[in-house]
Amino acid sequence: MEEVVLDSSVIIKSIMKPGRWLPGEVYKRELETHYKARTLVKTLKSNNITVLIPYPVIVEVGAVIARLASRELAERVVESLRTTKNYIVVYEEEYRDKALKAALLTGSSGFDAYIIGLAWSRDALLITDDEPMSRHAEALGVKVVLLRSTNVEDTMKQLH
């Protein structure tokens, strides 16, 4: 079975609903993406798909959820990411050379380069809701899904 790398945008959007302060069309799109992200995370788990989580994503998810919700929720989410059966936390030393190469070749942010680098090094499907990251990954030949532009069924078809 294929491996998947989840970006922090997908994990956070699977947990947090968008703020009602967003403009109408943006709120509608983000709410739809929230439901897609929730469904995707549940589908990956129920299909026992191996989900690779770069360690910097753990840090980012914890920070964002602590800021937007609470430290207690952030701690529970981080613990879940570390212990869920089909999730594997991958540490920098395993893919740092590909991350650096991704940054140098695409000009992506350093954080994005770690996520792209892991997907690139493992020939895994990268799932993100970050449009610039998806473009940088595609430029390197990484298989990528931009969550807002697809549906869960089509995403799952790319895993077979």
N, C-alpha and C. Protein backbone atom coordinates (compact mmCIF):
# COMPACT_ATOMS: atom_id res chain seq x y z
N MET A 1 0.85 -1.18 0.00
CA MET A 1 0.00 0.00 0.00
C MET A 1 0.89 1.24 0.00
N GLU A 2 0.43 2.23 -0.64
CA GLU A 2 1.16 3.49 -0.77
C GLU A 2 1.19 4.27 0.55
N GLU A 3 2.23 5.09 0.68
CA GLU A 3 2.35 5.97 1.84
C GLU A 3 1.85 7.36 1.48
N VAL A 4 1.38 8.09 2.50
CA VAL A 4 0.87 9.45 2.36
C VAL A 4 1.62 10.34 3.33
N VAL A 5 1.94 11.55 2.89
CA VAL A 5 2.47 12.58 3.78
C VAL A 5 1.37 13.62 3.93
N LEU A 6 0.98 13.89 5.17
CA LEU A 6 -0.01 14.92 5.43
C LEU A 6 0.70 16.21 5.86
N ASP A 7 0.32 17.29 5.23
CA ASP A 7 0.79 18.61 5.62
C ASP A 7 -0.01 19.08 6.84
N SER A 8 0.57 19.98 7.60
CA SER A 8 -0.12 20.52 8.77
C SER A 8 -1.44 21.18 8.40
N SER A 9 -1.54 21.75 7.21
CA SER A 9 -2.79 22.40 6.81
C SER A 9 -3.95 21.41 6.81
N VAL A 10 -3.71 20.20 6.38
CA VAL A 10 -4.76 19.18 6.33
C VAL A 10 -5.12 18.72 7.74
N ILE A 11 -4.11 18.49 8.56
CA ILE A 11 -4.37 18.02 9.93
C ILE A 11 -5.14 19.08 10.71
N ILE A 12 -4.69 20.32 10.63
CA ILE A 12 -5.35 21.39 11.37
C ILE A 12 -6.78 21.60 10.86
N LYS A 13 -6.95 21.60 9.56
CA LYS A 13 -8.30 21.81 9.01
C LYS A 13 -9.22 20.63 9.30
N SER A 14 -8.67 19.46 9.56
CA SER A 14 -9.52 18.32 9.93
C SER A 14 -10.05 18.47 11.36
N ILE A 15 -9.39 19.28 12.15
CA ILE A 15 -9.76 19.46 13.56
C ILE A 15 -10.53 20.76 13.80
N MET A 16 -10.07 21.83 13.20
CA MET A 16 -10.59 23.17 13.48
C MET A 16 -11.52 23.64 12.37
N LYS A 17 -12.71 24.08 12.75
CA LYS A 17 -13.60 24.71 11.78
C LYS A 17 -13.07 26.12 11.50
N PRO A 18 -13.34 26.63 10.31
CA PRO A 18 -12.88 27.99 9.98
C PRO A 18 -13.62 29.03 10.82
N GLY A 19 -12.98 30.18 10.99
CA GLY A 19 -13.60 31.26 11.75
C GLY A 19 -14.74 31.90 10.98
N ARG A 20 -15.79 32.21 11.68
CA ARG A 20 -16.95 32.85 11.04
C ARG A 20 -16.65 34.27 10.58
N TRP A 21 -15.53 34.82 11.01
CA TRP A 21 -15.14 36.16 10.62
C TRP A 21 -14.65 36.22 9.17
N LEU A 22 -14.38 35.06 8.57
CA LEU A 22 -13.92 35.04 7.19
C LEU A 22 -15.01 35.55 6.25
N PRO A 23 -14.62 36.20 5.14
CA PRO A 23 -15.61 36.62 4.15
C PRO A 23 -16.42 35.41 3.66
N GLY A 24 -17.68 35.65 3.28
CA GLY A 24 -18.63 34.59 2.93
C GLY A 24 -18.11 33.47 2.06
N GLU A 25 -17.57 33.80 0.88
CA GLU A 25 -17.09 32.76 -0.04
C GLU A 25 -15.89 32.00 0.51
N VAL A 26 -15.01 32.73 1.19
CA VAL A 26 -13.82 32.09 1.79
C VAL A 26 -14.28 31.14 2.90
N TYR A 27 -15.21 31.60 3.74
CA TYR A 27 -15.73 30.75 4.82
C TYR A 27 -16.35 29.48 4.24
N LYS A 28 -17.16 29.64 3.21
CA LYS A 28 -17.82 28.49 2.58
C LYS A 28 -16.79 27.49 2.07
N ARG A 29 -15.74 27.99 1.35
CA ARG A 29 -14.70 27.11 0.82
C ARG A 29 -13.94 26.41 1.96
N GLU A 30 -13.61 27.18 3.00
CA GLU A 30 -12.85 26.61 4.11
C GLU A 30 -13.67 25.61 4.92
N LEU A 31 -14.97 25.85 5.05
CA LEU A 31 -15.83 24.89 5.75
C LEU A 31 -15.91 23.59 4.95
N GLU A 32 -16.04 23.71 3.65
CA GLU A 32 -16.04 22.52 2.79
C GLU A 32 -14.71 21.77 2.91
N THR A 33 -13.61 22.51 2.94
CA THR A 33 -12.29 21.88 3.08
C THR A 33 -12.16 21.21 4.45
N HIS A 34 -12.72 21.82 5.48
CA HIS A 34 -12.71 21.21 6.83
C HIS A 34 -13.37 19.84 6.78
N TYR A 35 -14.56 19.76 6.16
CA TYR A 35 -15.26 18.48 6.09
C TYR A 35 -14.50 17.47 5.23
N LYS A 36 -13.89 17.93 4.14
CA LYS A 36 -13.07 17.03 3.32
C LYS A 36 -11.89 16.50 4.12
N ALA A 37 -11.22 17.39 4.86
CA ALA A 37 -10.05 16.99 5.65
C ALA A 37 -10.45 15.97 6.72
N ARG A 38 -11.57 16.20 7.40
CA ARG A 38 -12.05 15.26 8.42
C ARG A 38 -12.33 13.89 7.80
N THR A 39 -13.02 13.91 6.68
CA THR A 39 -13.36 12.66 6.00
C THR A 39 -12.10 11.95 5.52
N LEU A 40 -11.16 12.70 4.98
CA LEU A 40 -9.91 12.11 4.50
C LEU A 40 -9.15 11.43 5.63
N VAL A 41 -8.98 12.12 6.75
CA VAL A 41 -8.24 11.55 7.88
C VAL A 41 -8.91 10.27 8.35
N LYS A 42 -10.24 10.27 8.46
CA LYS A 42 -10.96 9.06 8.88
C LYS A 42 -10.81 7.94 7.84
N THR A 43 -10.86 8.30 6.57
CA THR A 43 -10.74 7.30 5.50
C THR A 43 -9.35 6.69 5.47
N LEU A 44 -8.32 7.50 5.64
CA LEU A 44 -6.96 6.96 5.69
C LEU A 44 -6.81 5.97 6.83
N LYS A 45 -7.38 6.31 7.98
CA LYS A 45 -7.30 5.42 9.14
C LYS A 45 -8.08 4.14 8.90
N SER A 46 -9.31 4.25 8.41
CA SER A 46 -10.13 3.05 8.23
C SER A 46 -9.58 2.13 7.14
N ASN A 47 -8.82 2.69 6.19
CA ASN A 47 -8.20 1.88 5.14
C ASN A 47 -6.78 1.48 5.49
N ASN A 48 -6.35 1.79 6.71
CA ASN A 48 -5.03 1.43 7.22
C ASN A 48 -3.91 1.90 6.30
N ILE A 49 -4.05 3.12 5.76
CA ILE A 49 -3.02 3.72 4.92
C ILE A 49 -1.92 4.27 5.83
N THR A 50 -0.67 4.00 5.50
CA THR A 50 0.45 4.53 6.27
C THR A 50 0.58 6.02 6.03
N VAL A 51 0.49 6.77 7.12
CA VAL A 51 0.57 8.23 7.06
C VAL A 51 1.89 8.66 7.69
N LEU A 52 2.72 9.31 6.88
CA LEU A 52 4.01 9.81 7.35
C LEU A 52 3.84 11.25 7.81
N ILE A 53 4.31 11.53 9.01
CA ILE A 53 4.21 12.88 9.57
C ILE A 53 5.61 13.40 9.84
N PRO A 54 6.07 14.40 9.08
CA PRO A 54 7.38 14.99 9.38
C PRO A 54 7.34 15.63 10.76
N TYR A 55 8.39 15.45 11.54
CA TYR A 55 8.38 15.99 12.90
C TYR A 55 8.06 17.49 12.95
N PRO A 56 8.56 18.32 12.01
CA PRO A 56 8.18 19.74 12.06
C PRO A 56 6.66 19.96 11.96
N VAL A 57 5.93 19.04 11.36
CA VAL A 57 4.47 19.15 11.29
C VAL A 57 3.87 18.99 12.69
N ILE A 58 4.42 18.09 13.48
CA ILE A 58 3.95 17.91 14.86
C ILE A 58 4.07 19.24 15.61
N VAL A 59 5.23 19.88 15.47
CA VAL A 59 5.46 21.16 16.15
C VAL A 59 4.47 22.21 15.66
N GLU A 60 4.29 22.31 14.35
CA GLU A 60 3.38 23.31 13.77
C GLU A 60 1.94 23.08 14.20
N VAL A 61 1.50 21.84 14.14
CA VAL A 61 0.12 21.52 14.53
C VAL A 61 -0.10 21.87 16.00
N GLY A 62 0.85 21.49 16.85
CA GLY A 62 0.74 21.82 18.27
C GLY A 62 0.66 23.32 18.50
N ALA A 63 1.51 24.07 17.84
CA ALA A 63 1.54 25.52 18.02
C ALA A 63 0.24 26.17 17.55
N VAL A 64 -0.23 25.80 16.38
CA VAL A 64 -1.44 26.43 15.83
C VAL A 64 -2.66 26.09 16.66
N ILE A 65 -2.81 24.85 17.06
CA ILE A 65 -3.99 24.47 17.84
C ILE A 65 -3.94 25.11 19.23
N ALA A 66 -2.76 25.19 19.82
CA ALA A 66 -2.65 25.88 21.12
C ALA A 66 -3.06 27.34 20.98
N ARG A 67 -2.67 27.97 19.88
CA ARG A 67 -3.00 29.37 19.66
C ARG A 67 -4.48 29.57 19.35
N LEU A 68 -5.07 28.70 18.52
CA LEU A 68 -6.45 28.88 18.09
C LEU A 68 -7.47 28.30 19.07
N ALA A 69 -7.08 27.29 19.83
CA ALA A 69 -8.04 26.62 20.72
C ALA A 69 -7.52 26.61 22.16
N SER A 70 -6.70 25.62 22.47
CA SER A 70 -6.17 25.52 23.84
C SER A 70 -4.93 24.63 23.86
N ARG A 71 -4.13 24.82 24.87
CA ARG A 71 -2.94 23.98 25.05
C ARG A 71 -3.35 22.54 25.29
N GLU A 72 -4.44 22.33 26.03
CA GLU A 72 -4.90 20.99 26.34
C GLU A 72 -5.28 20.23 25.06
N LEU A 73 -6.04 20.89 24.18
CA LEU A 73 -6.40 20.24 22.92
C LEU A 73 -5.15 19.98 22.08
N ALA A 74 -4.24 20.94 22.05
CA ALA A 74 -3.00 20.77 21.28
C ALA A 74 -2.22 19.56 21.79
N GLU A 75 -2.13 19.40 23.10
CA GLU A 75 -1.41 18.25 23.67
C GLU A 75 -2.07 16.94 23.29
N ARG A 76 -3.40 16.90 23.30
CA ARG A 76 -4.12 15.67 22.92
C ARG A 76 -3.90 15.34 21.45
N VAL A 77 -3.94 16.37 20.60
CA VAL A 77 -3.73 16.14 19.16
C VAL A 77 -2.31 15.65 18.91
N VAL A 78 -1.32 16.29 19.52
CA VAL A 78 0.08 15.87 19.33
C VAL A 78 0.25 14.42 19.79
N GLU A 79 -0.31 14.08 20.92
CA GLU A 79 -0.20 12.70 21.42
C GLU A 79 -0.87 11.73 20.45
N SER A 80 -2.00 12.12 19.90
CA SER A 80 -2.69 11.26 18.93
C SER A 80 -1.84 11.07 17.67
N LEU A 81 -1.22 12.15 17.19
CA LEU A 81 -0.37 12.03 16.00
C LEU A 81 0.81 11.09 16.27
N ARG A 82 1.30 11.11 17.48
CA ARG A 82 2.45 10.26 17.83
C ARG A 82 2.08 8.80 18.04
N THR A 83 0.82 8.52 18.37
CA THR A 83 0.47 7.16 18.79
C THR A 83 -0.55 6.45 17.90
N THR A 84 -1.17 7.15 16.96
CA THR A 84 -2.14 6.49 16.09
C THR A 84 -1.44 5.39 15.30
N LYS A 85 -2.06 4.24 15.23
CA LYS A 85 -1.43 3.03 14.69
C LYS A 85 -0.85 3.22 13.30
N ASN A 86 -1.56 3.84 12.38
CA ASN A 86 -1.07 3.92 11.01
C ASN A 86 -0.24 5.19 10.74
N TYR A 87 0.03 5.99 11.79
CA TYR A 87 0.84 7.20 11.64
C TYR A 87 2.28 6.90 12.05
N ILE A 88 3.21 7.40 11.25
CA ILE A 88 4.63 7.26 11.57
C ILE A 88 5.25 8.65 11.57
N VAL A 89 5.78 9.06 12.71
CA VAL A 89 6.49 10.34 12.79
C VAL A 89 7.89 10.11 12.24
N VAL A 90 8.28 10.94 11.28
CA VAL A 90 9.58 10.77 10.62
C VAL A 90 10.46 11.97 11.00
N TYR A 91 11.66 11.67 11.47
CA TYR A 91 12.56 12.70 11.97
C TYR A 91 13.49 13.20 10.87
N GLU A 92 13.96 14.40 11.05
CA GLU A 92 14.72 15.15 10.04
C GLU A 92 15.88 14.36 9.44
N GLU A 93 16.63 13.65 10.23
CA GLU A 93 17.82 12.98 9.70
C GLU A 93 17.50 11.98 8.60
N GLU A 94 16.26 11.53 8.53
CA GLU A 94 15.88 10.55 7.51
C GLU A 94 15.65 11.16 6.13
N TYR A 95 15.46 12.48 6.05
CA TYR A 95 15.14 13.08 4.75
C TYR A 95 15.70 14.49 4.58
N ARG A 96 16.61 14.88 5.44
CA ARG A 96 17.10 16.27 5.41
C ARG A 96 17.79 16.64 4.11
N ASP A 97 18.49 15.71 3.47
CA ASP A 97 19.16 16.04 2.21
C ASP A 97 18.14 16.36 1.12
N LYS A 98 17.04 15.58 1.07
CA LYS A 98 15.99 15.86 0.08
C LYS A 98 15.28 17.18 0.41
N ALA A 99 15.11 17.47 1.69
CA ALA A 99 14.47 18.72 2.08
C ALA A 99 15.31 19.91 1.63
N LEU A 100 16.61 19.83 1.84
CA LEU A 100 17.49 20.91 1.41
C LEU A 100 17.46 21.05 -0.11
N LYS A 101 17.52 19.93 -0.81
CA LYS A 101 17.48 19.97 -2.27
C LYS A 101 16.16 20.57 -2.76
N ALA A 102 15.05 20.21 -2.11
CA ALA A 102 13.74 20.77 -2.48
C ALA A 102 13.74 22.28 -2.29
N ALA A 103 14.31 22.76 -1.20
CA ALA A 103 14.37 24.20 -0.95
C ALA A 103 15.22 24.91 -2.00
N LEU A 104 16.35 24.33 -2.32
CA LEU A 104 17.26 24.96 -3.27
C LEU A 104 16.69 24.95 -4.70
N LEU A 105 16.01 23.89 -5.06
CA LEU A 105 15.48 23.78 -6.42
C LEU A 105 14.20 24.57 -6.65
N THR A 106 13.39 24.73 -5.60
CA THR A 106 12.09 25.37 -5.78
C THR A 106 11.97 26.75 -5.15
N GLY A 107 12.83 27.05 -4.20
CA GLY A 107 12.69 28.31 -3.48
C GLY A 107 11.55 28.29 -2.48
N SER A 108 11.06 27.11 -2.14
CA SER A 108 9.97 27.01 -1.16
C SER A 108 10.47 27.43 0.21
N SER A 109 9.55 27.66 1.12
CA SER A 109 9.95 27.97 2.50
C SER A 109 10.66 26.75 3.08
N GLY A 110 11.46 26.97 4.09
CA GLY A 110 12.15 25.87 4.74
C GLY A 110 11.19 24.85 5.32
N PHE A 111 10.12 25.34 5.93
CA PHE A 111 9.12 24.44 6.51
C PHE A 111 8.49 23.57 5.42
N ASP A 112 8.06 24.20 4.33
CA ASP A 112 7.47 23.44 3.22
C ASP A 112 8.47 22.45 2.64
N ALA A 113 9.73 22.83 2.58
CA ALA A 113 10.76 21.95 2.01
C ALA A 113 10.88 20.65 2.81
N TYR A 114 10.69 20.72 4.13
CA TYR A 114 10.73 19.49 4.93
C TYR A 114 9.59 18.54 4.55
N ILE A 115 8.42 19.08 4.35
CA ILE A 115 7.27 18.25 4.01
C ILE A 115 7.42 17.69 2.60
N ILE A 116 7.80 18.55 1.67
CA ILE A 116 8.02 18.11 0.29
C ILE A 116 9.16 17.10 0.24
N GLY A 117 10.24 17.38 0.98
CA GLY A 117 11.40 16.49 0.99
C GLY A 117 11.07 15.09 1.46
N LEU A 118 10.22 14.98 2.48
CA LEU A 118 9.82 13.65 2.96
C LEU A 118 9.02 12.92 1.89
N ALA A 119 8.03 13.60 1.30
CA ALA A 119 7.24 12.94 0.26
C ALA A 119 8.13 12.53 -0.92
N TRP A 120 9.04 13.41 -1.30
CA TRP A 120 9.95 13.14 -2.41
C TRP A 120 10.85 11.96 -2.10
N SER A 121 11.40 11.92 -0.89
CA SER A 121 12.34 10.84 -0.55
C SER A 121 11.67 9.48 -0.44
N ARG A 122 10.40 9.46 -0.10
CA ARG A 122 9.68 8.19 0.08
C ARG A 122 8.76 7.86 -1.09
N ASP A 123 8.74 8.70 -2.13
CA ASP A 123 7.83 8.54 -3.25
C ASP A 123 6.40 8.37 -2.76
N ALA A 124 6.04 9.22 -1.79
CA ALA A 124 4.73 9.17 -1.16
C ALA A 124 3.83 10.25 -1.76
N LEU A 125 2.54 10.06 -1.63
CA LEU A 125 1.56 11.05 -2.04
C LEU A 125 1.50 12.15 -0.99
N LEU A 126 1.72 13.38 -1.39
CA LEU A 126 1.64 14.53 -0.50
C LEU A 126 0.23 15.11 -0.59
N ILE A 127 -0.42 15.24 0.57
CA ILE A 127 -1.75 15.86 0.61
C ILE A 127 -1.63 17.14 1.42
N THR A 128 -2.01 18.24 0.79
CA THR A 128 -1.89 19.56 1.40
C THR A 128 -3.08 20.42 1.01
N ASP A 129 -3.25 21.51 1.73
CA ASP A 129 -4.19 22.53 1.29
C ASP A 129 -3.45 23.85 1.09
N ASP A 130 -2.16 23.75 0.87
CA ASP A 130 -1.28 24.90 0.67
C ASP A 130 -0.91 24.94 -0.81
N GLU A 131 -1.50 25.89 -1.53
CA GLU A 131 -1.32 25.94 -2.98
C GLU A 131 0.14 26.14 -3.41
N PRO A 132 0.88 27.08 -2.81
CA PRO A 132 2.30 27.21 -3.21
C PRO A 132 3.09 25.92 -2.95
N MET A 133 2.83 25.26 -1.83
CA MET A 133 3.53 24.01 -1.55
C MET A 133 3.21 22.98 -2.62
N SER A 134 1.96 22.91 -3.04
CA SER A 134 1.59 21.92 -4.05
C SER A 134 2.32 22.20 -5.37
N ARG A 135 2.45 23.47 -5.73
CA ARG A 135 3.17 23.82 -6.97
C ARG A 135 4.65 23.45 -6.87
N HIS A 136 5.27 23.73 -5.73
CA HIS A 136 6.69 23.38 -5.55
C HIS A 136 6.89 21.87 -5.61
N ALA A 137 5.99 21.13 -4.98
CA ALA A 137 6.09 19.66 -5.00
C ALA A 137 5.93 19.13 -6.42
N GLU A 138 4.95 19.64 -7.14
CA GLU A 138 4.74 19.20 -8.52
C GLU A 138 5.95 19.48 -9.38
N ALA A 139 6.63 20.60 -9.14
CA ALA A 139 7.83 20.96 -9.92
C ALA A 139 8.93 19.92 -9.75
N LEU A 140 8.92 19.20 -8.64
CA LEU A 140 9.92 18.16 -8.39
C LEU A 140 9.43 16.77 -8.79
N GLY A 141 8.23 16.70 -9.32
CA GLY A 141 7.68 15.40 -9.70
C GLY A 141 7.05 14.64 -8.55
N VAL A 142 6.81 15.31 -7.43
CA VAL A 142 6.16 14.67 -6.29
C VAL A 142 4.67 14.55 -6.59
N LYS A 143 4.10 13.40 -6.30
CA LYS A 143 2.65 13.22 -6.43
C LYS A 143 1.99 14.05 -5.34
N VAL A 144 1.07 14.92 -5.73
CA VAL A 144 0.48 15.84 -4.75
C VAL A 144 -1.00 16.03 -5.01
N VAL A 145 -1.74 16.19 -3.93
CA VAL A 145 -3.16 16.51 -3.99
C VAL A 145 -3.37 17.81 -3.22
N LEU A 146 -3.99 18.78 -3.89
CA LEU A 146 -4.40 20.01 -3.23
C LEU A 146 -5.84 19.78 -2.78
N LEU A 147 -6.03 19.63 -1.49
CA LEU A 147 -7.30 19.17 -0.94
C LEU A 147 -8.49 20.00 -1.40
N ARG A 148 -8.35 21.31 -1.44
CA ARG A 148 -9.49 22.16 -1.80
C ARG A 148 -9.93 21.95 -3.25
N SER A 149 -9.07 21.34 -4.07
CA SER A 149 -9.36 21.20 -5.50
C SER A 149 -9.82 19.80 -5.89
N THR A 150 -10.10 18.96 -4.92
CA THR A 150 -10.47 17.58 -5.24
C THR A 150 -11.47 17.08 -4.22
N ASN A 151 -11.80 15.80 -4.31
CA ASN A 151 -12.65 15.19 -3.29
C ASN A 151 -11.93 13.96 -2.74
N VAL A 152 -12.44 13.46 -1.64
CA VAL A 152 -11.78 12.36 -0.94
C VAL A 152 -11.72 11.11 -1.81
N GLU A 153 -12.78 10.83 -2.56
CA GLU A 153 -12.81 9.62 -3.39
C GLU A 153 -11.69 9.65 -4.43
N ASP A 154 -11.52 10.79 -5.10
CA ASP A 154 -10.46 10.90 -6.10
C ASP A 154 -9.08 10.80 -5.47
N THR A 155 -8.94 11.36 -4.29
CA THR A 155 -7.66 11.27 -3.57
C THR A 155 -7.34 9.81 -3.26
N MET A 156 -8.32 9.07 -2.78
CA MET A 156 -8.09 7.67 -2.41
C MET A 156 -7.76 6.83 -3.65
N LYS A 157 -8.32 7.18 -4.81
CA LYS A 157 -8.00 6.45 -6.04
C LYS A 157 -6.52 6.57 -6.39
N GLN A 158 -5.90 7.67 -6.01
CA GLN A 158 -4.47 7.84 -6.31
C GLN A 158 -3.59 6.93 -5.46
N LEU A 159 -4.16 6.28 -4.49
CA LEU A 159 -3.39 5.39 -3.61
C LEU A 159 -3.40 3.95 -4.08
N HIS A 160 -4.05 3.68 -5.17
CA HIS A 160 -4.11 2.28 -5.65
C HIS A 160 -3.47 2.16 -7.01
